[in-house]
C-alpha atoms as a PDB file:
ATOM      1  CA  UNK A   1       0.227   0.145   0.393  1.00  0.00           C
ATOM      2  CA  UNK A   2       1.278   3.452  -0.589  1.00  0.00           C
ATOM      3  CA  UNK A   3      -1.152   5.301   1.406  1.00  0.00           C
ATOM      4  CA  UNK A   4       2.024   7.817   2.911  1.00  0.00           C
ATOM      5  CA  UNK A   5       3.176   5.388   5.899  1.00  0.00           C
ATOM      6  CA  UNK A   6      -0.199   3.698   5.641  1.00  0.00           C
ATOM      7  CA  UNK A   7      -2.563   6.541   6.978  1.00  0.00           C
ATOM      8  CA  UNK A   8      -5.735   7.317   5.590  1.00  0.00           C
ATOM      9  CA  UNK A   9      -6.042  10.916   3.957  1.00  0.00           C
ATOM     10  CA  UNK A  10      -9.484  12.675   4.998  1.00  0.00           C
ATOM     11  CA  UNK A  11     -10.367   9.917   7.395  1.00  0.00           C
ATOM     12  CA  UNK A  12     -11.121   7.543   4.523  1.00  0.00           C
ATOM     13  CA  UNK A  13     -10.130   3.563   5.322  1.00  0.00           C
ATOM     14  CA  UNK A  14      -7.667   2.231   3.872  1.00  0.00           C
ATOM     15  CA  UNK A  15      -8.632  -0.921   1.891  1.00  0.00           C
ATOM     16  CA  UNK A  16      -5.618  -3.895   2.160  1.00  0.00           C
ATOM     17  CA  UNK A  17      -5.900  -5.315  -1.458  1.00  0.00           C
ATOM     18  CA  UNK A  18      -7.786  -4.389  -4.951  1.00  0.00           C
ATOM     19  CA  UNK A  19     -11.150  -5.980  -4.963  1.00  0.00           C
ATOM     20  CA  UNK A  20     -10.913  -6.718  -8.695  1.00  0.00           C
ATOM     21  CA  UNK A  21      -7.011  -8.102  -9.082  1.00  0.00           C
ATOM     22  CA  UNK A  22      -5.746  -8.385  -5.364  1.00  0.00           C
ATOM     23  CA  UNK A  23      -2.704  -6.408  -6.196  1.00  0.00           C
ATOM     24  CA  UNK A  24      -1.519  -4.110  -2.786  1.00  0.00           C
ATOM     25  CA  UNK A  25      -0.519  -1.096  -5.033  1.00  0.00           C
ATOM     26  CA  UNK A  26      -3.112   1.482  -3.712  1.00  0.00           C
ATOM     27  CA  UNK A  27      -3.095   5.240  -3.751  1.00  0.00           C
ATOM     28  CA  UNK A  28      -5.620   7.731  -2.786  1.00  0.00           C
ATOM     29  CA  UNK A  29      -7.690   9.141  -5.564  1.00  0.00           C
ATOM     30  CA  UNK A  30      -9.477  12.479  -5.664  1.00  0.00           C
ATOM     31  CA  UNK A  31     -12.350  11.883  -7.528  1.00  0.00           C
ATOM     32  CA  UNK A  32     -14.747  10.453  -6.817  1.00  0.00           C
ATOM     33  CA  UNK A  33     -14.520  11.349  -3.080  1.00  0.00           C
ATOM     34  CA  UNK A  34     -12.681   8.475  -0.846  1.00  0.00           C
ATOM     35  CA  UNK A  35     -11.902   6.535  -4.126  1.00  0.00           C
ATOM     36  CA  UNK A  36      -8.761   4.452  -4.721  1.00  0.00           C
ATOM     37  CA  UNK A  37      -6.540   3.609  -7.597  1.00  0.00           C
ATOM     38  CA  UNK A  38      -4.958   0.606  -8.409  1.00  0.00           C
ATOM     39  CA  UNK A  39      -1.684   0.742  -9.460  1.00  0.00           C
ATOM     40  CA  UNK A  40      -1.693  -2.842 -11.280  1.00  0.00           C
ATOM     41  CA  UNK A  41      -4.902  -2.755 -13.328  1.00  0.00           C
ATOM     42  CA  UNK A  42      -5.528   1.132 -13.316  1.00  0.00           C
ATOM     43  CA  UNK A  43      -9.097   0.801 -11.741  1.00  0.00           C
ATOM     44  CA  UNK A  44     -10.563   3.179  -9.276  1.00  0.00           C
ATOM     45  CA  UNK A  45     -13.018   2.254  -7.110  1.00  0.00           C
ATOM     46  CA  UNK A  46     -14.616   3.209  -3.686  1.00  0.00           C
ATOM     47  CA  UNK A  47     -15.363   0.913  -0.898  1.00  0.00           C
ATOM     48  CA  UNK A  48     -18.686   1.996   0.878  1.00  0.00           C
ATOM     49  CA  UNK A  49     -20.664   0.760   4.253  1.00  0.00           C
ATOM     50  CA  UNK A  50     -24.132  -0.158   3.126  1.00  0.00           C
ATOM     51  CA  UNK A  51     -25.680  -0.843   6.885  1.00  0.00           C
ATOM     52  CA  UNK A  52     -25.659  -3.858   9.502  1.00  0.00           C
ATOM     53  CA  UNK A  53     -27.839  -6.917   8.764  1.00  0.00           C
ATOM     54  CA  UNK A  54     -30.073  -7.209  11.530  1.00  0.00           C
ATOM     55  CA  UNK A  55     -30.526 -10.859  12.870  1.00  0.00           C
END
């Protein structure tokens, strides 16, 4: 991961790997807000919590 020593800019959670190719070389992307860019496959993605499931 390449997020400045593991610190998440602007309070975002740091993903451990790309959900598409599995590579760990991720960098923050300006747009859309909260996005990450994978250096290996060049995809830009966001991770979002939808909610909690009820029992």
